[in-house]
Amino acid sequence: MPDPPEPTVFVVDDDAAVRRSLKVLLEASGYRAETFASAKAFLETYAADRPGCLIADLRMPQLNGFALQGQLKARGIALPIIFLSAHGDVPAAVHAMRQGALAFLEKSVDTDELLLRVDEALALDAEARAAAARHGDLARRVAELTPREGEVMAHMVEGRINKEIAHALGISVKTVEIHRARVMQKMEAGSLAELVRMALEVGEPSGNGADPDGNGAGPSRR
């Protein structure tokens, strides 16, 4: 598999001098950095699968920082944002944080503080992407279950024993044992406790009443 993209600190500011200074600082500190002169330019270029964080000026012509934040949210992009402002503005800071910004800093902020926030933002983004990837993988495993296996799994995570599952589904205990083993194999669960954790994370599969061989509704006696 190809290596994942390198995390990038995206800088959006209409002031060329600020862009240059931030790029120099970030790259000298070991970060990959890309700069954009406007929110529009960034939105036209950025792809959601690129990890990293965003440092954005709050007050920019056309699309300001808040508008940029709103556009990202509308697209389902949860890139951590660090806002920079030339002026201390408490109401603006409160608004930004309520909308999900990681930090609101003045442009005169100490470089150590800024880099600390960048580290925090990159860690947050990496954690969120790892969780999303795991959730997607678990959803794929659940999707590979047959309808009957989904029903058996739903009963398993509720703590029911094989005899109870067999009675509820109208099938034999032996058939439950077979489906149970297939559920554990397909879900790649090493224990029932692990299966329960997976179910809580991705949402339990629910049986749809279909025959496990796809031959129509109603419980199977098999």
Protein backbone atom coordinates (compact mmCIF):
# COMPACT_ATOMS: atom_id res chain seq x y z
CA MET A 1 0.00 0.00 0.00
CA PRO A 2 1.23 3.55 -0.70
CA ASP A 3 2.45 5.60 2.23
CA PRO A 4 -0.17 7.99 3.64
CA PRO A 5 0.21 11.68 2.71
CA GLU A 6 2.54 13.67 4.92
CA PRO A 7 0.69 15.98 7.33
CA THR A 8 0.72 19.57 6.13
CA VAL A 9 0.18 22.87 7.89
CA PHE A 10 -1.97 24.95 5.53
CA VAL A 11 -1.58 28.71 5.99
CA VAL A 12 -4.29 31.04 4.65
CA ASP A 13 -3.59 34.76 4.95
CA ASP A 14 -3.99 37.67 2.52
CA ASP A 15 -0.80 39.28 3.89
CA ALA A 16 2.17 38.01 1.86
CA ALA A 17 4.67 38.93 4.60
CA VAL A 18 2.73 36.89 7.17
CA ARG A 19 2.55 33.92 4.79
CA ARG A 20 6.27 34.02 4.18
CA SER A 21 7.21 34.33 7.85
CA LEU A 22 4.92 31.51 8.89
CA LYS A 23 6.18 29.23 6.13
CA VAL A 24 9.80 29.90 7.13
CA LEU A 25 9.01 29.29 10.80
CA LEU A 26 7.08 26.08 10.16
CA GLU A 27 9.58 24.57 7.75
CA ALA A 28 12.51 25.49 9.99
CA SER A 29 10.68 23.67 12.79
CA GLY A 30 10.34 20.53 10.69
CA TYR A 31 6.77 20.88 9.40
CA ARG A 32 5.56 20.68 5.82
CA ALA A 33 3.79 23.95 5.00
CA GLU A 34 1.71 25.30 2.11
CA THR A 35 0.43 28.87 1.88
CA PHE A 36 -2.59 30.44 0.21
CA ALA A 37 -3.44 34.11 -0.34
CA SER A 38 -7.18 33.61 0.09
CA ALA A 39 -9.76 31.24 1.49
CA LYS A 40 -11.07 30.71 -2.03
CA ALA A 41 -7.67 29.58 -3.28
CA PHE A 42 -7.37 27.13 -0.41
CA LEU A 43 -10.87 25.69 -0.92
CA GLU A 44 -10.20 25.19 -4.64
CA THR A 45 -7.04 23.22 -3.89
CA TYR A 46 -7.59 21.30 -0.68
CA ALA A 47 -8.68 17.65 -0.76
CA ALA A 48 -10.28 16.15 2.35
CA ASP A 49 -7.97 13.14 2.35
CA ARG A 50 -4.94 15.35 3.03
CA PRO A 51 -4.03 15.27 6.72
CA GLY A 52 -2.82 18.30 8.62
CA CYS A 53 -4.19 21.46 10.14
CA LEU A 54 -5.10 24.99 9.09
CA ILE A 55 -3.74 28.33 10.26
CA ALA A 56 -6.08 31.02 8.98
CA ASP A 57 -6.29 34.78 9.27
CA LEU A 58 -9.59 35.84 10.73
CA ARG A 59 -10.06 39.03 8.72
CA MET A 60 -9.62 38.55 4.98
CA PRO A 61 -11.41 40.09 2.00
CA GLN A 62 -14.20 38.15 0.28
CA LEU A 63 -14.21 34.98 2.42
CA ASN A 64 -13.03 35.71 5.96
CA GLY A 65 -11.87 33.10 8.46
CA PHE A 66 -15.37 32.44 9.78
CA ALA A 67 -16.71 31.94 6.26
CA LEU A 68 -13.85 29.55 5.52
CA GLN A 69 -14.65 27.61 8.68
CA GLY A 70 -18.29 27.41 7.63
CA GLN A 71 -17.40 26.20 4.14
CA LEU A 72 -15.26 23.42 5.55
CA LYS A 73 -18.00 22.33 7.94
CA ALA A 74 -20.54 22.32 5.10
CA ARG A 75 -18.25 19.96 3.17
CA GLY A 76 -17.88 17.65 6.15
CA ILE A 77 -14.19 18.53 6.60
CA ALA A 78 -13.02 18.56 10.20
CA LEU A 79 -9.53 19.97 9.64
CA PRO A 80 -8.37 21.51 12.95
CA ILE A 81 -8.23 25.30 12.66
CA ILE A 82 -5.97 27.78 14.42
CA PHE A 83 -7.21 31.34 13.87
CA LEU A 84 -4.85 34.29 13.86
CA SER A 85 -5.97 37.87 14.33
CA ALA A 86 -4.10 41.17 14.41
CA HIS A 87 -6.39 42.40 17.16
CA GLY A 88 -7.60 40.83 20.37
CA ASP A 89 -11.32 40.23 19.85
CA VAL A 90 -12.98 38.26 22.65
CA PRO A 91 -16.42 37.89 20.97
CA ALA A 92 -14.75 36.68 17.77
CA ALA A 93 -12.63 34.22 19.73
CA VAL A 94 -15.68 32.86 21.55
CA HIS A 95 -17.55 32.48 18.26
CA ALA A 96 -14.61 30.69 16.62
CA MET A 97 -14.22 28.25 19.49
CA ARG A 98 -17.94 27.51 19.61
CA GLN A 99 -17.79 26.67 15.93
CA GLY A 100 -15.02 24.16 16.58
CA ALA A 101 -11.77 26.09 16.16
CA LEU A 102 -8.87 24.65 18.11
CA ALA A 103 -7.32 27.99 19.05
CA PHE A 104 -7.65 31.73 18.55
CA LEU A 105 -4.30 33.53 18.73
CA GLU A 106 -3.06 37.04 18.11
CA LYS A 107 -0.50 37.39 15.31
CA SER A 108 2.00 38.61 17.90
CA VAL A 109 1.78 35.23 19.65
CA ASP A 110 4.99 33.69 20.93
CA THR A 111 6.36 31.23 18.37
CA ASP A 112 6.63 28.45 20.95
CA GLU A 113 2.94 28.84 21.75
CA LEU A 114 2.02 28.72 18.07
CA LEU A 115 4.13 25.61 17.43
CA LEU A 116 2.63 23.96 20.50
CA ARG A 117 -0.82 24.56 19.06
CA VAL A 118 0.28 23.21 15.68
CA ASP A 119 1.50 20.01 17.37
CA GLU A 120 -1.82 19.73 19.16
CA ALA A 121 -3.77 20.28 15.93
CA LEU A 122 -1.78 17.69 13.98
CA ALA A 123 -2.19 15.13 16.75
CA LEU A 124 -5.92 15.80 16.88
CA ASP A 125 -6.24 15.37 13.11
CA ALA A 126 -4.23 12.13 13.14
CA GLU A 127 -6.38 10.74 15.93
CA ALA A 128 -9.62 11.66 14.14
CA ARG A 129 -8.45 10.10 10.87
CA ALA A 130 -7.37 6.91 12.62
CA ALA A 131 -10.77 6.66 14.31
CA ALA A 132 -12.57 7.26 11.01
CA ALA A 133 -10.46 4.61 9.28
CA ARG A 134 -11.20 2.10 12.03
CA HIS A 135 -14.91 2.90 11.89
CA GLY A 136 -14.89 2.41 8.13
CA ASP A 137 -13.09 -0.91 8.47
CA LEU A 138 -15.58 -2.13 11.07
CA ALA A 139 -18.49 -1.03 8.87
CA ARG A 140 -16.97 -3.02 6.00
CA ARG A 141 -16.76 -6.13 8.18
CA VAL A 142 -20.38 -5.74 9.29
CA ALA A 143 -21.47 -5.32 5.66
CA GLU A 144 -19.87 -8.68 4.84
CA LEU A 145 -22.15 -10.49 7.32
CA THR A 146 -25.14 -12.32 5.90
CA PRO A 147 -28.56 -11.20 7.21
CA ARG A 148 -28.69 -14.23 9.52
CA GLU A 149 -25.17 -13.60 10.79
CA GLY A 150 -26.20 -10.02 11.50
CA GLU A 151 -29.14 -11.28 13.55
CA VAL A 152 -26.93 -13.70 15.48
CA MET A 153 -24.37 -10.96 16.16
CA ALA A 154 -27.08 -8.64 17.47
CA HIS A 155 -28.13 -11.33 19.96
CA MET A 156 -24.53 -12.14 20.84
CA VAL A 157 -23.69 -8.57 21.84
CA GLU A 158 -26.80 -8.50 24.00
CA GLY A 159 -25.33 -11.37 26.00
CA ARG A 160 -27.69 -14.14 24.91
CA ILE A 161 -26.47 -17.74 24.96
CA ASN A 162 -26.76 -20.05 21.96
CA LYS A 163 -29.94 -21.73 23.19
CA GLU A 164 -31.68 -18.36 23.61
CA ILE A 165 -30.54 -17.21 20.16
CA ALA A 166 -31.75 -20.44 18.60
CA HIS A 167 -35.16 -20.05 20.21
CA ALA A 168 -35.46 -16.38 19.19
CA LEU A 169 -34.53 -17.04 15.56
CA GLY A 170 -36.25 -20.40 15.18
CA ILE A 171 -33.07 -22.26 14.23
CA SER A 172 -31.07 -25.08 15.79
CA VAL A 173 -28.35 -24.56 18.38
CA LYS A 174 -25.88 -26.17 15.98
CA THR A 175 -26.78 -23.59 13.31
CA VAL A 176 -26.29 -20.81 15.84
CA GLU A 177 -22.84 -22.18 16.65
CA ILE A 178 -21.91 -22.13 12.95
CA HIS A 179 -23.15 -18.57 12.46
CA ARG A 180 -21.50 -17.47 15.68
CA ALA A 181 -18.12 -18.79 14.52
CA ARG A 182 -18.54 -17.04 11.16
CA VAL A 183 -19.40 -13.77 12.90
CA MET A 184 -16.26 -13.94 15.02
CA GLN A 185 -14.16 -14.78 11.95
CA LYS A 186 -15.60 -12.07 9.68
CA MET A 187 -15.46 -9.42 12.40
CA GLU A 188 -11.90 -10.53 13.28
CA ALA A 189 -12.86 -10.50 16.94
CA GLY A 190 -10.68 -12.40 19.38
CA SER A 191 -13.32 -12.51 22.11
CA LEU A 192 -16.95 -11.71 22.79
CA ALA A 193 -15.86 -8.64 24.75
CA GLU A 194 -13.98 -7.36 21.69
CA LEU A 195 -17.03 -8.03 19.52
CA VAL A 196 -19.19 -6.01 21.91
CA ARG A 197 -16.72 -3.10 21.73
CA MET A 198 -16.83 -3.26 17.94
CA ALA A 199 -20.63 -3.27 17.96
CA LEU A 200 -20.74 -0.25 20.24
CA GLU A 201 -18.31 1.61 18.00
CA VAL A 202 -19.96 0.91 14.66
CA GLY A 203 -23.56 0.29 15.70
CA GLU A 204 -25.07 -3.16 16.01
CA PRO A 205 -26.23 -4.91 12.84
CA SER A 206 -29.92 -5.66 12.96
CA GLY A 207 -31.51 -8.66 11.32
CA ASN A 208 -33.97 -7.94 8.54
CA GLY A 209 -35.88 -11.20 8.78
CA ALA A 210 -34.46 -12.48 5.51
CA ASP A 211 -33.54 -16.09 5.06
CA PRO A 212 -29.75 -16.49 5.49
CA ASP A 213 -29.57 -17.81 1.94
CA GLY A 214 -31.52 -14.82 0.62
CA ASN A 215 -34.66 -16.83 -0.15
CA GLY A 216 -37.22 -14.52 1.38
CA ALA A 217 -38.54 -13.38 4.73
CA GLY A 218 -39.33 -15.49 7.73
CA PRO A 219 -37.25 -17.50 10.18
CA SER A 220 -35.32 -20.47 8.87
CA ARG A 221 -35.34 -23.75 10.72
CA ARG A 222 -31.79 -24.44 9.59
